[in-house]
Amino acid sequence: FLKEQPDLNWRNPELRAAMMEVMRFWFERGVD
């Protein structure tokens, strides 16, 4: 998209783990 929106590398396992933790953060907060 924009140059201000660099694409994340989902082939990197550390990045994937970090993004799963983001989802976990909000699930723990109670989002549906």
PDB file of all heavy atoms in Angstrom:
ATOM      1  N   PHE A   1       0.858  -1.184   0.000  1.00  0.00           N
ATOM      2  CA  PHE A   1       0.000   0.000   0.000  1.00  0.00           C
ATOM      3  C   PHE A   1       0.898   1.239   0.000  1.00  0.00           C
ATOM      4  O   PHE A   1       1.727   1.384  -0.882  1.00  0.00           O
ATOM      5  CB  PHE A   1      -0.988  -0.087   1.168  1.00  0.00           C
ATOM      6  CG  PHE A   1      -1.919  -1.270   1.031  1.00  0.00           C
ATOM      7  CD1 PHE A   1      -1.576  -2.507   1.555  1.00  0.00           C
ATOM      8  CD2 PHE A   1      -3.099  -1.160   0.325  1.00  0.00           C
ATOM      9  CE1 PHE A   1      -2.409  -3.614   1.392  1.00  0.00           C
ATOM     10  CE2 PHE A   1      -3.936  -2.252   0.144  1.00  0.00           C
ATOM     11  CZ  PHE A   1      -3.591  -3.481   0.680  1.00  0.00           C
ATOM     12  N   LEU A   2       0.782   2.136   0.943  1.00  0.00           N
ATOM     13  CA  LEU A   2       1.637   3.321   0.974  1.00  0.00           C
ATOM     14  C   LEU A   2       3.054   2.964   1.416  1.00  0.00           C
ATOM     15  O   LEU A   2       3.256   1.974   2.133  1.00  0.00           O
ATOM     16  CB  LEU A   2       1.060   4.348   1.948  1.00  0.00           C
ATOM     17  CG  LEU A   2      -0.315   4.940   1.632  1.00  0.00           C
ATOM     18  CD1 LEU A   2      -0.770   5.819   2.791  1.00  0.00           C
ATOM     19  CD2 LEU A   2      -0.289   5.730   0.332  1.00  0.00           C
ATOM     20  N   LYS A   3       4.018   3.799   1.052  1.00  0.00           N
ATOM     21  CA  LYS A   3       5.385   3.582   1.520  1.00  0.00           C
ATOM     22  C   LYS A   3       5.477   3.701   3.035  1.00  0.00           C
ATOM     23  O   LYS A   3       6.404   3.175   3.657  1.00  0.00           O
ATOM     24  CB  LYS A   3       6.360   4.540   0.836  1.00  0.00           C
ATOM     25  CG  LYS A   3       6.163   6.013   1.145  1.00  0.00           C
ATOM     26  CD  LYS A   3       7.170   6.868   0.396  1.00  0.00           C
ATOM     27  CE  LYS A   3       6.927   8.363   0.593  1.00  0.00           C
ATOM     28  NZ  LYS A   3       7.045   8.774   2.009  1.00  0.00           N
ATOM     29  N   GLU A   4       4.511   4.381   3.638  1.00  0.00           N
ATOM     30  CA  GLU A   4       4.445   4.477   5.096  1.00  0.00           C
ATOM     31  C   GLU A   4       3.861   3.224   5.743  1.00  0.00           C
ATOM     32  O   GLU A   4       3.706   3.171   6.972  1.00  0.00           O
ATOM     33  CB  GLU A   4       3.600   5.686   5.503  1.00  0.00           C
ATOM     34  CG  GLU A   4       4.199   7.030   5.120  1.00  0.00           C
ATOM     35  CD  GLU A   4       3.838   7.489   3.713  1.00  0.00           C
ATOM     36  OE1 GLU A   4       3.153   6.720   2.981  1.00  0.00           O
ATOM     37  OE2 GLU A   4       4.220   8.612   3.340  1.00  0.00           O
ATOM     38  N   GLN A   5       3.555   2.195   4.921  1.00  0.00           N
ATOM     39  CA  GLN A   5       2.966   0.953   5.407  1.00  0.00           C
ATOM     40  C   GLN A   5       3.810  -0.242   4.958  1.00  0.00           C
ATOM     41  O   GLN A   5       3.397  -1.031   4.104  1.00  0.00           O
ATOM     42  CB  GLN A   5       1.533   0.799   4.884  1.00  0.00           C
ATOM     43  CG  GLN A   5       0.572   1.881   5.372  1.00  0.00           C
ATOM     44  CD  GLN A   5      -0.757   1.848   4.636  1.00  0.00           C
ATOM     45  OE1 GLN A   5      -0.832   2.210   3.461  1.00  0.00           O
ATOM     46  NE2 GLN A   5      -1.809   1.423   5.315  1.00  0.00           N
ATOM     47  N   PRO A   6       5.003  -0.429   5.515  1.00  0.00           N
ATOM     48  CA  PRO A   6       5.862  -1.540   5.097  1.00  0.00           C
ATOM     49  C   PRO A   6       5.246  -2.894   5.428  1.00  0.00           C
ATOM     50  O   PRO A   6       4.678  -3.085   6.506  1.00  0.00           O
ATOM     51  CB  PRO A   6       7.150  -1.304   5.890  1.00  0.00           C
ATOM     52  CG  PRO A   6       6.721  -0.495   7.076  1.00  0.00           C
ATOM     53  CD  PRO A   6       5.618   0.383   6.581  1.00  0.00           C
ATOM     54  N   ASP A   7       5.377  -3.832   4.482  1.00  0.00           N
ATOM     55  CA  ASP A   7       4.798  -5.164   4.669  1.00  0.00           C
ATOM     56  C   ASP A   7       5.609  -5.978   5.672  1.00  0.00           C
ATOM     57  O   ASP A   7       6.844  -6.009   5.622  1.00  0.00           O
ATOM     58  CB  ASP A   7       4.759  -5.916   3.335  1.00  0.00           C
ATOM     59  CG  ASP A   7       3.572  -5.506   2.481  1.00  0.00           C
ATOM     60  OD1 ASP A   7       3.093  -4.369   2.646  1.00  0.00           O
ATOM     61  OD2 ASP A   7       3.142  -6.317   1.643  1.00  0.00           O
ATOM     62  N   LEU A   8       4.892  -6.661   6.544  1.00  0.00           N
ATOM     63  CA  LEU A   8       5.509  -7.577   7.500  1.00  0.00           C
ATOM     64  C   LEU A   8       5.843  -8.904   6.821  1.00  0.00           C
ATOM     65  O   LEU A   8       5.167  -9.315   5.864  1.00  0.00           O
ATOM     66  CB  LEU A   8       4.562  -7.800   8.681  1.00  0.00           C
ATOM     67  CG  LEU A   8       4.339  -6.562   9.566  1.00  0.00           C
ATOM     68  CD1 LEU A   8       3.042  -6.687  10.342  1.00  0.00           C
ATOM     69  CD2 LEU A   8       5.523  -6.351  10.490  1.00  0.00           C
ATOM     70  N   ASN A   9       6.851  -9.582   7.327  1.00  0.00           N
ATOM     71  CA  ASN A   9       7.307 -10.840   6.736  1.00  0.00           C
ATOM     72  C   ASN A   9       6.756 -12.008   7.542  1.00  0.00           C
ATOM     73  O   ASN A   9       7.350 -12.446   8.530  1.00  0.00           O
ATOM     74  CB  ASN A   9       8.835 -10.882   6.715  1.00  0.00           C
ATOM     75  CG  ASN A   9       9.346 -12.188   6.124  1.00  0.00           C
ATOM     76  OD1 ASN A   9       8.610 -12.926   5.476  1.00  0.00           O
ATOM     77  ND2 ASN A   9      10.622 -12.478   6.367  1.00  0.00           N
ATOM     78  N   TRP A  10       5.629 -12.535   7.099  1.00  0.00           N
ATOM     79  CA  TRP A  10       4.980 -13.631   7.815  1.00  0.00           C
ATOM     80  C   TRP A  10       5.718 -14.952   7.677  1.00  0.00           C
ATOM     81  O   TRP A  10       5.363 -15.937   8.337  1.00  0.00           O
ATOM     82  CB  TRP A  10       3.523 -13.749   7.373  1.00  0.00           C
ATOM     83  CG  TRP A  10       2.651 -12.829   8.161  1.00  0.00           C
ATOM     84  CD1 TRP A  10       2.528 -11.473   8.020  1.00  0.00           C
ATOM     85  CD2 TRP A  10       1.834 -13.181   9.268  1.00  0.00           C
ATOM     86  NE1 TRP A  10       1.678 -10.960   8.961  1.00  0.00           N
ATOM     87  CE2 TRP A  10       1.227 -11.986   9.747  1.00  0.00           C
ATOM     88  CE3 TRP A  10       1.539 -14.371   9.914  1.00  0.00           C
ATOM     89  CZ2 TRP A  10       0.349 -11.965  10.819  1.00  0.00           C
ATOM     90  CZ3 TRP A  10       0.663 -14.363  10.992  1.00  0.00           C
ATOM     91  CH2 TRP A  10       0.081 -13.169  11.431  1.00  0.00           C
ATOM     92  N   ARG A  11       6.747 -14.999   6.864  1.00  0.00           N
ATOM     93  CA  ARG A  11       7.575 -16.208   6.807  1.00  0.00           C
ATOM     94  C   ARG A  11       8.542 -16.273   7.994  1.00  0.00           C
ATOM     95  O   ARG A  11       9.144 -17.321   8.237  1.00  0.00           O
ATOM     96  CB  ARG A  11       8.348 -16.257   5.491  1.00  0.00           C
ATOM     97  CG  ARG A  11       7.453 -16.416   4.260  1.00  0.00           C
ATOM     98  CD  ARG A  11       8.276 -16.505   2.980  1.00  0.00           C
ATOM     99  NE  ARG A  11       7.423 -16.608   1.805  1.00  0.00           N
ATOM    100  CZ  ARG A  11       6.885 -17.740   1.348  1.00  0.00           C
ATOM    101  NH1 ARG A  11       7.122 -18.882   1.987  1.00  0.00           N
ATOM    102  NH2 ARG A  11       6.125 -17.744   0.281  1.00  0.00           N
ATOM    103  N   ASN A  12       8.685 -15.182   8.712  1.00  0.00           N
ATOM    104  CA  ASN A  12       9.579 -15.143   9.863  1.00  0.00           C
ATOM    105  C   ASN A  12       8.832 -15.632  11.105  1.00  0.00           C
ATOM    106  O   ASN A  12       7.839 -15.020  11.514  1.00  0.00           O
ATOM    107  CB  ASN A  12      10.079 -13.713  10.081  1.00  0.00           C
ATOM    108  CG  ASN A  12      11.046 -13.606  11.237  1.00  0.00           C
ATOM    109  OD1 ASN A  12      10.695 -13.822  12.379  1.00  0.00           O
ATOM    110  ND2 ASN A  12      12.295 -13.254  10.932  1.00  0.00           N
ATOM    111  N   PRO A  13       9.282 -16.714  11.743  1.00  0.00           N
ATOM    112  CA  PRO A  13       8.518 -17.264  12.878  1.00  0.00           C
ATOM    113  C   PRO A  13       8.438 -16.318  14.068  1.00  0.00           C
ATOM    114  O   PRO A  13       7.439 -16.337  14.806  1.00  0.00           O
ATOM    115  CB  PRO A  13       9.279 -18.551  13.229  1.00  0.00           C
ATOM    116  CG  PRO A  13      10.622 -18.423  12.589  1.00  0.00           C
ATOM    117  CD  PRO A  13      10.444 -17.558  11.388  1.00  0.00           C
ATOM    118  N   GLU A  14       9.457 -15.487  14.291  1.00  0.00           N
ATOM    119  CA  GLU A  14       9.400 -14.547  15.400  1.00  0.00           C
ATOM    120  C   GLU A  14       8.327 -13.480  15.162  1.00  0.00           C
ATOM    121  O   GLU A  14       7.615 -13.085  16.085  1.00  0.00           O
ATOM    122  CB  GLU A  14      10.763 -13.892  15.613  1.00  0.00           C
ATOM    123  CG  GLU A  14      11.835 -14.855  16.109  1.00  0.00           C
ATOM    124  CD  GLU A  14      13.166 -14.151  16.309  1.00  0.00           C
ATOM    125  OE1 GLU A  14      13.272 -12.948  15.954  1.00  0.00           O
ATOM    126  OE2 GLU A  14      14.094 -14.790  16.817  1.00  0.00           O
ATOM    127  N   LEU A  15       8.232 -13.015  13.929  1.00  0.00           N
ATOM    128  CA  LEU A  15       7.177 -12.051  13.595  1.00  0.00           C
ATOM    129  C   LEU A  15       5.804 -12.680  13.786  1.00  0.00           C
ATOM    130  O   LEU A  15       4.896 -12.077  14.381  1.00  0.00           O
ATOM    131  CB  LEU A  15       7.364 -11.544  12.162  1.00  0.00           C
ATOM    132  CG  LEU A  15       6.359 -10.547  11.558  1.00  0.00           C
ATOM    133  CD1 LEU A  15       5.100 -11.179  11.038  1.00  0.00           C
ATOM    134  CD2 LEU A  15       6.018  -9.433  12.552  1.00  0.00           C
ATOM    135  N   ARG A  16       5.638 -13.912  13.307  1.00  0.00           N
ATOM    136  CA  ARG A  16       4.343 -14.583  13.473  1.00  0.00           C
ATOM    137  C   ARG A  16       3.981 -14.699  14.950  1.00  0.00           C
ATOM    138  O   ARG A  16       2.844 -14.445  15.354  1.00  0.00           O
ATOM    139  CB  ARG A  16       4.368 -15.981  12.836  1.00  0.00           C
ATOM    140  CG  ARG A  16       4.384 -15.976  11.336  1.00  0.00           C
ATOM    141  CD  ARG A  16       3.871 -17.292  10.772  1.00  0.00           C
ATOM    142  NE  ARG A  16       4.563 -18.468  11.288  1.00  0.00           N
ATOM    143  CZ  ARG A  16       5.712 -18.941  10.811  1.00  0.00           C
ATOM    144  NH1 ARG A  16       6.319 -18.314   9.815  1.00  0.00           N
ATOM    145  NH2 ARG A  16       6.252 -20.032  11.316  1.00  0.00           N
ATOM    146  N   ALA A  17       4.951 -15.096  15.765  1.00  0.00           N
ATOM    147  CA  ALA A  17       4.684 -15.245  17.199  1.00  0.00           C
ATOM    148  C   ALA A  17       4.282 -13.904  17.810  1.00  0.00           C
ATOM    149  O   ALA A  17       3.373 -13.838  18.655  1.00  0.00           O
ATOM    150  CB  ALA A  17       5.914 -15.818  17.900  1.00  0.00           C
ATOM    151  N   ALA A  18       4.949 -12.829  17.383  1.00  0.00           N
ATOM    152  CA  ALA A  18       4.623 -11.501  17.910  1.00  0.00           C
ATOM    153  C   ALA A  18       3.204 -11.093  17.537  1.00  0.00           C
ATOM    154  O   ALA A  18       2.470 -10.511  18.359  1.00  0.00           O
ATOM    155  CB  ALA A  18       5.627 -10.478  17.397  1.00  0.00           C
ATOM    156  N   MET A  19       2.781 -11.403  16.301  1.00  0.00           N
ATOM    157  CA  MET A  19       1.431 -11.047  15.877  1.00  0.00           C
ATOM    158  C   MET A  19       0.371 -11.886  16.581  1.00  0.00           C
ATOM    159  O   MET A  19      -0.726 -11.402  16.897  1.00  0.00           O
ATOM    160  CB  MET A  19       1.311 -11.168  14.360  1.00  0.00           C
ATOM    161  CG  MET A  19       2.172 -10.162  13.601  1.00  0.00           C
ATOM    162  SD  MET A  19       1.788  -8.430  14.020  1.00  0.00           S
ATOM    163  CE  MET A  19       0.424  -8.125  12.903  1.00  0.00           C
ATOM    164  N   MET A  20       0.695 -13.147  16.863  1.00  0.00           N
ATOM    165  CA  MET A  20      -0.239 -13.968  17.633  1.00  0.00           C
ATOM    166  C   MET A  20      -0.379 -13.417  19.051  1.00  0.00           C
ATOM    167  O   MET A  20      -1.465 -13.445  19.643  1.00  0.00           O
ATOM    168  CB  MET A  20       0.228 -15.426  17.664  1.00  0.00           C
ATOM    169  CG  MET A  20       0.190 -16.111  16.308  1.00  0.00           C
ATOM    170  SD  MET A  20      -1.461 -16.175  15.568  1.00  0.00           S
ATOM    171  CE  MET A  20      -1.048 -16.803  13.919  1.00  0.00           C
ATOM    172  N   GLU A  21       0.699 -12.894  19.594  1.00  0.00           N
ATOM    173  CA  GLU A  21       0.622 -12.292  20.921  1.00  0.00           C
ATOM    174  C   GLU A  21      -0.248 -11.035  20.916  1.00  0.00           C
ATOM    175  O   GLU A  21      -0.903 -10.714  21.915  1.00  0.00           O
ATOM    176  CB  GLU A  21       2.020 -11.970  21.442  1.00  0.00           C
ATOM    177  CG  GLU A  21       2.775 -13.190  21.932  1.00  0.00           C
ATOM    178  CD  GLU A  21       1.998 -13.953  23.010  1.00  0.00           C
ATOM    179  OE1 GLU A  21       1.611 -13.318  24.019  1.00  0.00           O
ATOM    180  OE2 GLU A  21       1.767 -15.167  22.830  1.00  0.00           O
ATOM    181  N   VAL A  22      -0.244 -10.308  19.800  1.00  0.00           N
ATOM    182  CA  VAL A  22      -1.143  -9.157  19.682  1.00  0.00           C
ATOM    183  C   VAL A  22      -2.592  -9.612  19.791  1.00  0.00           C
ATOM    184  O   VAL A  22      -3.391  -9.037  20.543  1.00  0.00           O
ATOM    185  CB  VAL A  22      -0.902  -8.428  18.340  1.00  0.00           C
ATOM    186  CG1 VAL A  22      -2.014  -7.418  18.075  1.00  0.00           C
ATOM    187  CG2 VAL A  22       0.461  -7.744  18.327  1.00  0.00           C
ATOM    188  N   MET A  23      -2.939 -10.652  19.032  1.00  0.00           N
ATOM    189  CA  MET A  23      -4.308 -11.159  19.101  1.00  0.00           C
ATOM    190  C   MET A  23      -4.634 -11.634  20.522  1.00  0.00           C
ATOM    191  O   MET A  23      -5.724 -11.361  21.050  1.00  0.00           O
ATOM    192  CB  MET A  23      -4.499 -12.292  18.092  1.00  0.00           C
ATOM    193  CG  MET A  23      -4.299 -11.867  16.638  1.00  0.00           C
ATOM    194  SD  MET A  23      -4.524 -13.218  15.460  1.00  0.00           S
ATOM    195  CE  MET A  23      -6.304 -13.356  15.430  1.00  0.00           C
ATOM    196  N   ARG A  24      -3.674 -12.322  21.131  1.00  0.00           N
ATOM    197  CA  ARG A  24      -3.888 -12.828  22.485  1.00  0.00           C
ATOM    198  C   ARG A  24      -4.127 -11.660  23.463  1.00  0.00           C
ATOM    199  O   ARG A  24      -4.982 -11.742  24.355  1.00  0.00           O
ATOM    200  CB  ARG A  24      -2.694 -13.662  22.926  1.00  0.00           C
ATOM    201  CG  ARG A  24      -2.913 -14.398  24.242  1.00  0.00           C
ATOM    202  CD  ARG A  24      -1.660 -15.170  24.651  1.00  0.00           C
ATOM    203  NE  ARG A  24      -1.221 -16.089  23.612  1.00  0.00           N
ATOM    204  CZ  ARG A  24      -1.720 -17.304  23.422  1.00  0.00           C
ATOM    205  NH1 ARG A  24      -2.690 -17.733  24.213  1.00  0.00           N
ATOM    206  NH2 ARG A  24      -1.260 -18.081  22.464  1.00  0.00           N
ATOM    207  N   PHE A  25      -3.372 -10.577  23.301  1.00  0.00           N
ATOM    208  CA  PHE A  25      -3.519  -9.406  24.162  1.00  0.00           C
ATOM    209  C   PHE A  25      -4.970  -8.920  24.170  1.00  0.00           C
ATOM    210  O   PHE A  25      -5.553  -8.642  25.232  1.00  0.00           O
ATOM    211  CB  PHE A  25      -2.587  -8.293  23.679  1.00  0.00           C
ATOM    212  CG  PHE A  25      -2.769  -6.978  24.376  1.00  0.00           C
ATOM    213  CD1 PHE A  25      -2.091  -6.713  25.557  1.00  0.00           C
ATOM    214  CD2 PHE A  25      -3.611  -5.993  23.863  1.00  0.00           C
ATOM    215  CE1 PHE A  25      -2.249  -5.490  26.218  1.00  0.00           C
ATOM    216  CE2 PHE A  25      -3.776  -4.770  24.509  1.00  0.00           C
ATOM    217  CZ  PHE A  25      -3.095  -4.527  25.694  1.00  0.00           C
ATOM    218  N   TRP A  26      -5.566  -8.832  22.995  1.00  0.00           N
ATOM    219  CA  TRP A  26      -6.934  -8.296  22.911  1.00  0.00           C
ATOM    220  C   TRP A  26      -7.969  -9.338  23.313  1.00  0.00           C
ATOM    221  O   TRP A  26      -8.996  -8.994  23.919  1.00  0.00           O
ATOM    222  CB  TRP A  26      -7.196  -7.756  21.505  1.00  0.00           C
ATOM    223  CG  TRP A  26      -6.369  -6.542  21.222  1.00  0.00           C
ATOM    224  CD1 TRP A  26      -5.278  -6.436  20.409  1.00  0.00           C
ATOM    225  CD2 TRP A  26      -6.541  -5.238  21.803  1.00  0.00           C
ATOM    226  NE1 TRP A  26      -4.765  -5.170  20.430  1.00  0.00           N
ATOM    227  CE2 TRP A  26      -5.512  -4.400  21.276  1.00  0.00           C
ATOM    228  CE3 TRP A  26      -7.453  -4.686  22.707  1.00  0.00           C
ATOM    229  CZ2 TRP A  26      -5.394  -3.058  21.622  1.00  0.00           C
ATOM    230  CZ3 TRP A  26      -7.332  -3.345  23.052  1.00  0.00           C
ATOM    231  CH2 TRP A  26      -6.315  -2.547  22.521  1.00  0.00           C
ATOM    232  N   PHE A  27      -7.716 -10.629  22.995  1.00  0.00           N
ATOM    233  CA  PHE A  27      -8.630 -11.659  23.490  1.00  0.00           C
ATOM    234  C   PHE A  27      -8.642 -11.664  25.023  1.00  0.00           C
ATOM    235  O   PHE A  27      -9.702 -11.792  25.652  1.00  0.00           O
ATOM    236  CB  PHE A  27      -8.220 -13.040  22.966  1.00  0.00           C
ATOM    237  CG  PHE A  27      -8.674 -13.337  21.568  1.00  0.00           C
ATOM    238  CD1 PHE A  27      -7.800 -13.928  20.648  1.00  0.00           C
ATOM    239  CD2 PHE A  27      -9.970 -13.064  21.150  1.00  0.00           C
ATOM    240  CE1 PHE A  27      -8.210 -14.223  19.355  1.00  0.00           C
ATOM    241  CE2 PHE A  27     -10.399 -13.356  19.858  1.00  0.00           C
ATOM    242  CZ  PHE A  27      -9.509 -13.929  18.960  1.00  0.00           C
ATOM    243  N   GLU A  28      -7.479 -11.545  25.631  1.00  0.00           N
ATOM    244  CA  GLU A  28      -7.404 -11.518  27.088  1.00  0.00           C
ATOM    245  C   GLU A  28      -8.152 -10.303  27.647  1.00  0.00           C
ATOM    246  O   GLU A  28      -8.690 -10.348  28.753  1.00  0.00           O
ATOM    247  CB  GLU A  28      -5.939 -11.462  27.543  1.00  0.00           C
ATOM    248  CG  GLU A  28      -5.164 -12.754  27.327  1.00  0.00           C
ATOM    249  CD  GLU A  28      -5.575 -13.858  28.296  1.00  0.00           C
ATOM    250  OE1 GLU A  28      -6.124 -13.536  29.370  1.00  0.00           O
ATOM    251  OE2 GLU A  28      -5.348 -15.046  27.965  1.00  0.00           O
ATOM    252  N   ARG A  29      -8.203  -9.244  26.886  1.00  0.00           N
ATOM    253  CA  ARG A  29      -8.897  -8.031  27.339  1.00  0.00           C
ATOM    254  C   ARG A  29     -10.414  -8.177  27.192  1.00  0.00           C
ATOM    255  O   ARG A  29     -11.166  -7.357  27.719  1.00  0.00           O
ATOM    256  CB  ARG A  29      -8.401  -6.839  26.525  1.00  0.00           C
ATOM    257  CG  ARG A  29      -8.303  -5.596  27.382  1.00  0.00           C
ATOM    258  CD  ARG A  29      -7.428  -4.533  26.802  1.00  0.00           C
ATOM    259  NE  ARG A  29      -7.275  -3.496  27.812  1.00  0.00           N
ATOM    260  CZ  ARG A  29      -6.216  -3.354  28.585  1.00  0.00           C
ATOM    261  NH1 ARG A  29      -5.194  -4.163  28.434  1.00  0.00           N
ATOM    262  NH2 ARG A  29      -6.165  -2.408  29.500  1.00  0.00           N
ATOM    263  N   GLY A  30     -10.846  -9.192  26.413  1.00  0.00           N
ATOM    264  CA  GLY A  30     -12.273  -9.471  26.332  1.00  0.00           C
ATOM    265  C   GLY A  30     -12.920  -9.249  24.985  1.00  0.00           C
ATOM    266  O   GLY A  30     -14.146  -9.384  24.873  1.00  0.00           O
ATOM    267  N   VAL A  31     -12.142  -8.906  23.946  1.00  0.00           N
ATOM    268  CA  VAL A  31     -12.779  -8.704  22.649  1.00  0.00           C
ATOM    269  C   VAL A  31     -13.317 -10.028  22.120  1.00  0.00           C
ATOM    270  O   VAL A  31     -12.822 -11.109  22.460  1.00  0.00           O
ATOM    271  CB  VAL A  31     -11.839  -8.033  21.619  1.00  0.00           C
ATOM    272  CG1 VAL A  31     -11.299  -6.722  22.137  1.00  0.00           C
ATOM    273  CG2 VAL A  31     -10.729  -8.969  21.196  1.00  0.00           C
ATOM    274  N   ASP A  32     -14.316  -9.942  21.265  1.00  0.00           N
ATOM    275  CA  ASP A  32     -15.045 -11.120  20.804  1.00  0.00           C
ATOM    276  C   ASP A  32     -14.601 -11.621  19.435  1.00  0.00           C
ATOM    277  O   ASP A  32     -15.149 -12.607  18.932  1.00  0.00           O
ATOM    278  CB  ASP A  32     -16.543 -10.803  20.774  1.00  0.00           C
ATOM    279  CG  ASP A  32     -17.049 -10.401  22.144  1.00  0.00           C
ATOM    280  OD1 ASP A  32     -17.150 -11.285  23.015  1.00  0.00           O
ATOM    281  OD2 ASP A  32     -17.309  -9.196  22.362  1.00  0.00           O
TER     282      ASP A  32
END
